[in-house]
Amino acid sequence: MEQENRIREPENKIWQTRLHEQTAFERRLAQAMESAFADGVTELDELVNRLNQNGVRDEQNRAWTIDSFRAVMAELGA
């Protein structure tokens, strides 16, 4: 096989590129999630409960539900 045929153009995955810098909300959420994971939280319901207990709300300042968390993660490309 010729060298040219083996070399492929790099492919950017959606999670590798961002269209903007993280917002304050995205930073707060990421930090809260990292803290929960560091404390051993592994289940979605535990994570949602932890976010609510720590006062980390969604962008409309509402408490999280499993469905609202999933929707935000899908929107953020997670």
PDB file of N, CA and C in Angstrom:
ATOM      1  N   MET A   1       0.848  -1.180   0.000  1.00  0.00           N
ATOM      2  CA  MET A   1       0.000   0.000   0.000  1.00  0.00           C
ATOM      3  C   MET A   1       0.889   1.237   0.000  1.00  0.00           C
ATOM      4  N   GLU A   2       0.549   2.194  -0.799  1.00  0.00           N
ATOM      5  CA  GLU A   2       1.338   3.407  -0.895  1.00  0.00           C
ATOM      6  C   GLU A   2       1.191   4.253   0.360  1.00  0.00           C
ATOM      7  N   GLN A   3       2.243   4.996   0.691  1.00  0.00           N
ATOM      8  CA  GLN A   3       2.259   5.852   1.877  1.00  0.00           C
ATOM      9  C   GLN A   3       1.060   6.797   1.892  1.00  0.00           C
ATOM     10  N   GLU A   4       0.751   7.404   0.772  1.00  0.00           N
ATOM     11  CA  GLU A   4      -0.344   8.381   0.716  1.00  0.00           C
ATOM     12  C   GLU A   4      -1.686   7.767   1.104  1.00  0.00           C
ATOM     13  N   ASN A   5      -1.880   6.508   0.789  1.00  0.00           N
ATOM     14  CA  ASN A   5      -3.146   5.844   1.095  1.00  0.00           C
ATOM     15  C   ASN A   5      -3.260   5.485   2.571  1.00  0.00           C
ATOM     16  N   ARG A   6      -2.132   5.376   3.251  1.00  0.00           N
ATOM     17  CA  ARG A   6      -2.160   5.019   4.665  1.00  0.00           C
ATOM     18  C   ARG A   6      -2.314   6.230   5.576  1.00  0.00           C
ATOM     19  N   ILE A   7      -1.948   7.385   5.084  1.00  0.00           N
ATOM     20  CA  ILE A   7      -2.037   8.593   5.895  1.00  0.00           C
ATOM     21  C   ILE A   7      -3.444   9.157   5.767  1.00  0.00           C
ATOM     22  N   ARG A   8      -4.082   9.349   6.900  1.00  0.00           N
ATOM     23  CA  ARG A   8      -5.443   9.883   6.897  1.00  0.00           C
ATOM     24  C   ARG A   8      -5.462  11.249   7.563  1.00  0.00           C
ATOM     25  N   GLU A   9      -6.361  12.063   7.118  1.00  0.00           N
ATOM     26  CA  GLU A   9      -6.559  13.375   7.731  1.00  0.00           C
ATOM     27  C   GLU A   9      -7.071  13.162   9.156  1.00  0.00           C
ATOM     28  N   PRO A  10      -6.529  13.886  10.148  1.00  0.00           N
ATOM     29  CA  PRO A  10      -7.025  13.733  11.518  1.00  0.00           C
ATOM     30  C   PRO A  10      -8.503  14.087  11.597  1.00  0.00           C
ATOM     31  N   GLU A  11      -9.191  13.408  12.452  1.00  0.00           N
ATOM     32  CA  GLU A  11     -10.623  13.640  12.624  1.00  0.00           C
ATOM     33  C   GLU A  11     -10.860  14.204  14.011  1.00  0.00           C
ATOM     34  N   ASN A  12     -11.491  15.364  14.084  1.00  0.00           N
ATOM     35  CA  ASN A  12     -11.833  15.952  15.372  1.00  0.00           C
ATOM     36  C   ASN A  12     -13.134  15.351  15.872  1.00  0.00           C
ATOM     37  N   LYS A  13     -13.098  14.882  17.094  1.00  0.00           N
ATOM     38  CA  LYS A  13     -14.303  14.388  17.736  1.00  0.00           C
ATOM     39  C   LYS A  13     -15.005  15.574  18.373  1.00  0.00           C
ATOM     40  N   ILE A  14     -16.315  15.509  18.478  1.00  0.00           N
ATOM     41  CA  ILE A  14     -17.073  16.636  19.010  1.00  0.00           C
ATOM     42  C   ILE A  14     -16.615  16.999  20.422  1.00  0.00           C
ATOM     43  N   TRP A  15     -16.225  16.024  21.213  1.00  0.00           N
ATOM     44  CA  TRP A  15     -15.826  16.324  22.587  1.00  0.00           C
ATOM     45  C   TRP A  15     -14.388  16.845  22.666  1.00  0.00           C
ATOM     46  N   GLN A  16     -13.679  16.867  21.576  1.00  0.00           N
ATOM     47  CA  GLN A  16     -12.315  17.376  21.576  1.00  0.00           C
ATOM     48  C   GLN A  16     -12.245  18.846  21.186  1.00  0.00           C
ATOM     49  N   THR A  17     -13.287  19.368  20.666  1.00  0.00           N
ATOM     50  CA  THR A  17     -13.287  20.756  20.242  1.00  0.00           C
ATOM     51  C   THR A  17     -14.454  21.484  20.891  1.00  0.00           C
ATOM     52  N   ARG A  18     -14.242  22.707  21.212  1.00  0.00           N
ATOM     53  CA  ARG A  18     -15.285  23.536  21.796  1.00  0.00           C
ATOM     54  C   ARG A  18     -15.430  24.783  20.950  1.00  0.00           C
ATOM     55  N   LEU A  19     -16.640  25.265  20.849  1.00  0.00           N
ATOM     56  CA  LEU A  19     -16.892  26.477  20.086  1.00  0.00           C
ATOM     57  C   LEU A  19     -16.673  27.727  20.926  1.00  0.00           C
ATOM     58  N   HIS A  20     -16.574  27.555  22.246  1.00  0.00           N
ATOM     59  CA  HIS A  20     -16.414  28.697  23.143  1.00  0.00           C
ATOM     60  C   HIS A  20     -15.725  28.240  24.420  1.00  0.00           C
ATOM     61  N   GLU A  21     -15.250  29.229  25.183  1.00  0.00           N
ATOM     62  CA  GLU A  21     -14.697  28.906  26.490  1.00  0.00           C
ATOM     63  C   GLU A  21     -15.831  28.468  27.406  1.00  0.00           C
ATOM     64  N   GLN A  22     -15.483  27.720  28.434  1.00  0.00           N
ATOM     65  CA  GLN A  22     -16.505  27.305  29.387  1.00  0.00           C
ATOM     66  C   GLN A  22     -17.165  28.526  30.011  1.00  0.00           C
ATOM     67  N   THR A  23     -18.460  28.419  30.194  1.00  0.00           N
ATOM     68  CA  THR A  23     -19.188  29.471  30.909  1.00  0.00           C
ATOM     69  C   THR A  23     -18.978  29.274  32.403  1.00  0.00           C
ATOM     70  N   ALA A  24     -19.360  30.260  33.183  1.00  0.00           N
ATOM     71  CA  ALA A  24     -19.265  30.144  34.645  1.00  0.00           C
ATOM     72  C   ALA A  24     -20.098  28.948  35.121  1.00  0.00           C
ATOM     73  N   PHE A  25     -21.266  28.769  34.532  1.00  0.00           N
ATOM     74  CA  PHE A  25     -22.114  27.630  34.887  1.00  0.00           C
ATOM     75  C   PHE A  25     -21.405  26.315  34.597  1.00  0.00           C
ATOM     76  N   GLU A  26     -20.818  26.190  33.412  1.00  0.00           N
ATOM     77  CA  GLU A  26     -20.126  24.952  33.037  1.00  0.00           C
ATOM     78  C   GLU A  26     -18.953  24.679  33.973  1.00  0.00           C
ATOM     79  N   ARG A  27     -18.212  25.731  34.358  1.00  0.00           N
ATOM     80  CA  ARG A  27     -17.094  25.548  35.296  1.00  0.00           C
ATOM     81  C   ARG A  27     -17.580  25.082  36.662  1.00  0.00           C
ATOM     82  N   ARG A  28     -18.636  25.716  37.179  1.00  0.00           N
ATOM     83  CA  ARG A  28     -19.181  25.318  38.494  1.00  0.00           C
ATOM     84  C   ARG A  28     -19.654  23.874  38.458  1.00  0.00           C
ATOM     85  N   LEU A  29     -20.352  23.511  37.397  1.00  0.00           N
ATOM     86  CA  LEU A  29     -20.874  22.154  37.279  1.00  0.00           C
ATOM     87  C   LEU A  29     -19.732  21.149  37.188  1.00  0.00           C
ATOM     88  N   ALA A  30     -18.739  21.441  36.372  1.00  0.00           N
ATOM     89  CA  ALA A  30     -17.595  20.534  36.220  1.00  0.00           C
ATOM     90  C   ALA A  30     -16.856  20.361  37.542  1.00  0.00           C
ATOM     91  N   GLN A  31     -16.630  21.448  38.257  1.00  0.00           N
ATOM     92  CA  GLN A  31     -15.932  21.360  39.540  1.00  0.00           C
ATOM     93  C   GLN A  31     -16.733  20.551  40.551  1.00  0.00           C
ATOM     94  N   ALA A  32     -18.039  20.765  40.583  1.00  0.00           N
ATOM     95  CA  ALA A  32     -18.894  20.024  41.513  1.00  0.00           C
ATOM     96  C   ALA A  32     -18.910  18.535  41.173  1.00  0.00           C
ATOM     97  N   MET A  33     -18.946  18.225  39.879  1.00  0.00           N
ATOM     98  CA  MET A  33     -18.935  16.824  39.472  1.00  0.00           C
ATOM     99  C   MET A  33     -17.596  16.171  39.813  1.00  0.00           C
ATOM    100  N   GLU A  34     -16.486  16.870  39.545  1.00  0.00           N
ATOM    101  CA  GLU A  34     -15.174  16.325  39.872  1.00  0.00           C
ATOM    102  C   GLU A  34     -15.048  16.057  41.362  1.00  0.00           C
ATOM    103  N   SER A  35     -15.553  16.964  42.168  1.00  0.00           N
ATOM    104  CA  SER A  35     -15.515  16.784  43.621  1.00  0.00           C
ATOM    105  C   SER A  35     -16.327  15.562  44.039  1.00  0.00           C
ATOM    106  N   ALA A  36     -17.500  15.397  43.467  1.00  0.00           N
ATOM    107  CA  ALA A  36     -18.345  14.244  43.791  1.00  0.00           C
ATOM    108  C   ALA A  36     -17.657  12.947  43.373  1.00  0.00           C
ATOM    109  N   PHE A  37     -17.071  12.925  42.198  1.00  0.00           N
ATOM    110  CA  PHE A  37     -16.372  11.718  41.738  1.00  0.00           C
ATOM    111  C   PHE A  37     -15.179  11.412  42.636  1.00  0.00           C
ATOM    112  N   ALA A  38     -14.468  12.441  43.071  1.00  0.00           N
ATOM    113  CA  ALA A  38     -13.321  12.246  43.961  1.00  0.00           C
ATOM    114  C   ALA A  38     -13.756  11.652  45.302  1.00  0.00           C
ATOM    115  N   ASP A  39     -14.987  11.952  45.703  1.00  0.00           N
ATOM    116  CA  ASP A  39     -15.530  11.405  46.952  1.00  0.00           C
ATOM    117  C   ASP A  39     -16.138  10.025  46.777  1.00  0.00           C
ATOM    118  N   GLY A  40     -16.049   9.478  45.579  1.00  0.00           N
ATOM    119  CA  GLY A  40     -16.520   8.118  45.350  1.00  0.00           C
ATOM    120  C   GLY A  40     -17.927   7.996  44.796  1.00  0.00           C
ATOM    121  N   VAL A  41     -18.548   9.101  44.435  1.00  0.00           N
ATOM    122  CA  VAL A  41     -19.884   9.047  43.838  1.00  0.00           C
ATOM    123  C   VAL A  41     -19.756   8.409  42.452  1.00  0.00           C
ATOM    124  N   THR A  42     -20.560   7.371  42.219  1.00  0.00           N
ATOM    125  CA  THR A  42     -20.482   6.660  40.944  1.00  0.00           C
ATOM    126  C   THR A  42     -21.829   6.499  40.246  1.00  0.00           C
ATOM    127  N   GLU A  43     -22.911   6.730  40.947  1.00  0.00           N
ATOM    128  CA  GLU A  43     -24.239   6.523  40.369  1.00  0.00           C
ATOM    129  C   GLU A  43     -24.906   7.856  40.077  1.00  0.00           C
ATOM    130  N   LEU A  44     -25.696   7.887  39.009  1.00  0.00           N
ATOM    131  CA  LEU A  44     -26.330   9.118  38.574  1.00  0.00           C
ATOM    132  C   LEU A  44     -27.218   9.728  39.653  1.00  0.00           C
ATOM    133  N   ASP A  45     -28.026   8.928  40.315  1.00  0.00           N
ATOM    134  CA  ASP A  45     -28.900   9.478  41.347  1.00  0.00           C
ATOM    135  C   ASP A  45     -28.090  10.066  42.501  1.00  0.00           C
ATOM    136  N   GLU A  46     -26.962   9.443  42.840  1.00  0.00           N
ATOM    137  CA  GLU A  46     -26.086   9.986  43.876  1.00  0.00           C
ATOM    138  C   GLU A  46     -25.503  11.328  43.446  1.00  0.00           C
ATOM    139  N   LEU A  47     -25.100  11.416  42.185  1.00  0.00           N
ATOM    140  CA  LEU A  47     -24.514  12.650  41.668  1.00  0.00           C
ATOM    141  C   LEU A  47     -25.538  13.780  41.690  1.00  0.00           C
ATOM    142  N   VAL A  48     -26.734  13.510  41.225  1.00  0.00           N
ATOM    143  CA  VAL A  48     -27.792  14.524  41.217  1.00  0.00           C
ATOM    144  C   VAL A  48     -28.092  14.972  42.653  1.00  0.00           C
ATOM    145  N   ASN A  49     -28.168  14.020  43.574  1.00  0.00           N
ATOM    146  CA  ASN A  49     -28.409  14.371  44.973  1.00  0.00           C
ATOM    147  C   ASN A  49     -27.285  15.236  45.522  1.00  0.00           C
ATOM    148  N   ARG A  50     -26.038  14.891  45.196  1.00  0.00           N
ATOM    149  CA  ARG A  50     -24.883  15.656  45.673  1.00  0.00           C
ATOM    150  C   ARG A  50     -24.920  17.078  45.140  1.00  0.00           C
ATOM    151  N   LEU A  51     -25.214  17.222  43.849  1.00  0.00           N
ATOM    152  CA  LEU A  51     -25.294  18.571  43.285  1.00  0.00           C
ATOM    153  C   LEU A  51     -26.345  19.395  44.020  1.00  0.00           C
ATOM    154  N   ASN A  52     -27.504  18.808  44.253  1.00  0.00           N
ATOM    155  CA  ASN A  52     -28.572  19.524  44.941  1.00  0.00           C
ATOM    156  C   ASN A  52     -28.191  19.836  46.385  1.00  0.00           C
ATOM    157  N   GLN A  53     -27.573  18.894  47.079  1.00  0.00           N
ATOM    158  CA  GLN A  53     -27.160  19.120  48.471  1.00  0.00           C
ATOM    159  C   GLN A  53     -26.140  20.251  48.580  1.00  0.00           C
ATOM    160  N   ASN A  54     -25.277  20.355  47.569  1.00  0.00           N
ATOM    161  CA  ASN A  54     -24.229  21.379  47.590  1.00  0.00           C
ATOM    162  C   ASN A  54     -24.683  22.707  46.994  1.00  0.00           C
ATOM    163  N   GLY A  55     -25.953  22.783  46.620  1.00  0.00           N
ATOM    164  CA  GLY A  55     -26.488  24.038  46.108  1.00  0.00           C
ATOM    165  C   GLY A  55     -26.065  24.377  44.695  1.00  0.00           C
ATOM    166  N   VAL A  56     -25.616  23.378  43.954  1.00  0.00           N
ATOM    167  CA  VAL A  56     -25.241  23.589  42.553  1.00  0.00           C
ATOM    168  C   VAL A  56     -26.500  23.381  41.720  1.00  0.00           C
ATOM    169  N   ARG A  57     -27.046  24.465  41.210  1.00  0.00           N
ATOM    170  CA  ARG A  57     -28.304  24.429  40.477  1.00  0.00           C
ATOM    171  C   ARG A  57     -28.072  24.480  38.975  1.00  0.00           C
ATOM    172  N   ASP A  58     -29.137  24.243  38.222  1.00  0.00           N
ATOM    173  CA  ASP A  58     -29.028  24.348  36.765  1.00  0.00           C
ATOM    174  C   ASP A  58     -28.988  25.828  36.370  1.00  0.00           C
ATOM    175  N   GLU A  59     -28.942  26.101  35.080  1.00  0.00           N
ATOM    176  CA  GLU A  59     -28.799  27.485  34.617  1.00  0.00           C
ATOM    177  C   GLU A  59     -30.008  28.361  34.945  1.00  0.00           C
ATOM    178  N   GLN A  60     -31.141  27.754  35.210  1.00  0.00           N
ATOM    179  CA  GLN A  60     -32.337  28.506  35.607  1.00  0.00           C
ATOM    180  C   GLN A  60     -32.489  28.536  37.124  1.00  0.00           C
ATOM    181  N   ASN A  61     -31.433  28.140  37.837  1.00  0.00           N
ATOM    182  CA  ASN A  61     -31.401  28.115  39.298  1.00  0.00           C
ATOM    183  C   ASN A  61     -32.427  27.151  39.895  1.00  0.00           C
ATOM    184  N   ARG A  62     -32.680  26.067  39.171  1.00  0.00           N
ATOM    185  CA  ARG A  62     -33.599  25.028  39.666  1.00  0.00           C
ATOM    186  C   ARG A  62     -32.786  23.837  40.143  1.00  0.00           C
ATOM    187  N   ALA A  63     -33.370  23.100  41.085  1.00  0.00           N
ATOM    188  CA  ALA A  63     -32.740  21.865  41.551  1.00  0.00           C
ATOM    189  C   ALA A  63     -32.700  20.863  40.399  1.00  0.00           C
ATOM    190  N   TRP A  64     -31.687  20.026  40.428  1.00  0.00           N
ATOM    191  CA  TRP A  64     -31.524  19.016  39.383  1.00  0.00           C
ATOM    192  C   TRP A  64     -32.483  17.860  39.579  1.00  0.00           C
ATOM    193  N   THR A  65     -32.893  17.280  38.471  1.00  0.00           N
ATOM    194  CA  THR A  65     -33.537  15.970  38.450  1.00  0.00           C
ATOM    195  C   THR A  65     -32.657  15.107  37.540  1.00  0.00           C
ATOM    196  N   ILE A  66     -32.865  13.831  37.574  1.00  0.00           N
ATOM    197  CA  ILE A  66     -32.097  12.962  36.683  1.00  0.00           C
ATOM    198  C   ILE A  66     -32.344  13.358  35.231  1.00  0.00           C
ATOM    199  N   ASP A  67     -33.597  13.634  34.887  1.00  0.00           N
ATOM    200  CA  ASP A  67     -33.920  14.013  33.505  1.00  0.00           C
ATOM    201  C   ASP A  67     -33.283  15.345  33.113  1.00  0.00           C
ATOM    202  N   SER A  68     -33.316  16.330  34.013  1.00  0.00           N
ATOM    203  CA  SER A  68     -32.730  17.626  33.664  1.00  0.00           C
ATOM    204  C   SER A  68     -31.210  17.517  33.537  1.00  0.00           C
ATOM    205  N   PHE A  69     -30.590  16.696  34.379  1.00  0.00           N
ATOM    206  CA  PHE A  69     -29.148  16.501  34.289  1.00  0.00           C
ATOM    207  C   PHE A  69     -28.783  15.832  32.968  1.00  0.00           C
ATOM    208  N   ARG A  70     -29.522  14.803  32.612  1.00  0.00           N
ATOM    209  CA  ARG A  70     -29.261  14.121  31.329  1.00  0.00           C
ATOM    210  C   ARG A  70     -29.418  15.082  30.154  1.00  0.00           C
ATOM    211  N   ALA A  71     -30.424  15.935  30.205  1.00  0.00           N
ATOM    212  CA  ALA A  71     -30.656  16.882  29.119  1.00  0.00           C
ATOM    213  C   ALA A  71     -29.492  17.862  28.984  1.00  0.00           C
ATOM    214  N   VAL A  72     -28.989  18.349  30.105  1.00  0.00           N
ATOM    215  CA  VAL A  72     -27.857  19.285  30.057  1.00  0.00           C
ATOM    216  C   VAL A  72     -26.610  18.575  29.556  1.00  0.00           C
ATOM    217  N   MET A  73     -26.374  17.354  29.997  1.00  0.00           N
ATOM    218  CA  MET A  73     -25.201  16.608  29.530  1.00  0.00           C
ATOM    219  C   MET A  73     -25.280  16.369  28.018  1.00  0.00           C
ATOM    220  N   ALA A  74     -26.463  16.063  27.525  1.00  0.00           N
ATOM    221  CA  ALA A  74     -26.635  15.860  26.083  1.00  0.00           C
ATOM    222  C   ALA A  74     -26.382  17.161  25.331  1.00  0.00           C
ATOM    223  N   GLU A  75     -26.848  18.268  25.882  1.00  0.00           N
ATOM    224  CA  GLU A  75     -26.647  19.566  25.252  1.00  0.00           C
ATOM    225  C   GLU A  75     -25.170  19.967  25.247  1.00  0.00           C
ATOM    226  N   LEU A  76     -24.474  19.645  26.319  1.00  0.00           N
ATOM    227  CA  LEU A  76     -23.049  20.002  26.418  1.00  0.00           C
ATOM    228  C   LEU A  76     -22.165  19.037  25.639  1.00  0.00           C
ATOM    229  N   GLY A  77     -22.749  17.969  25.125  1.00  0.00           N
ATOM    230  CA  GLY A  77     -21.966  17.022  24.329  1.00  0.00           C
ATOM    231  C   GLY A  77     -21.223  16.011  25.155  1.00  0.00           C
ATOM    232  N   ALA A  78     -21.672  15.793  26.387  1.00  0.00           N
ATOM    233  CA  ALA A  78     -20.993  14.827  27.261  1.00  0.00           C
ATOM    234  C   ALA A  78     -21.434  13.414  26.989  1.00  0.00           C
TER     235      ALA A  78
END
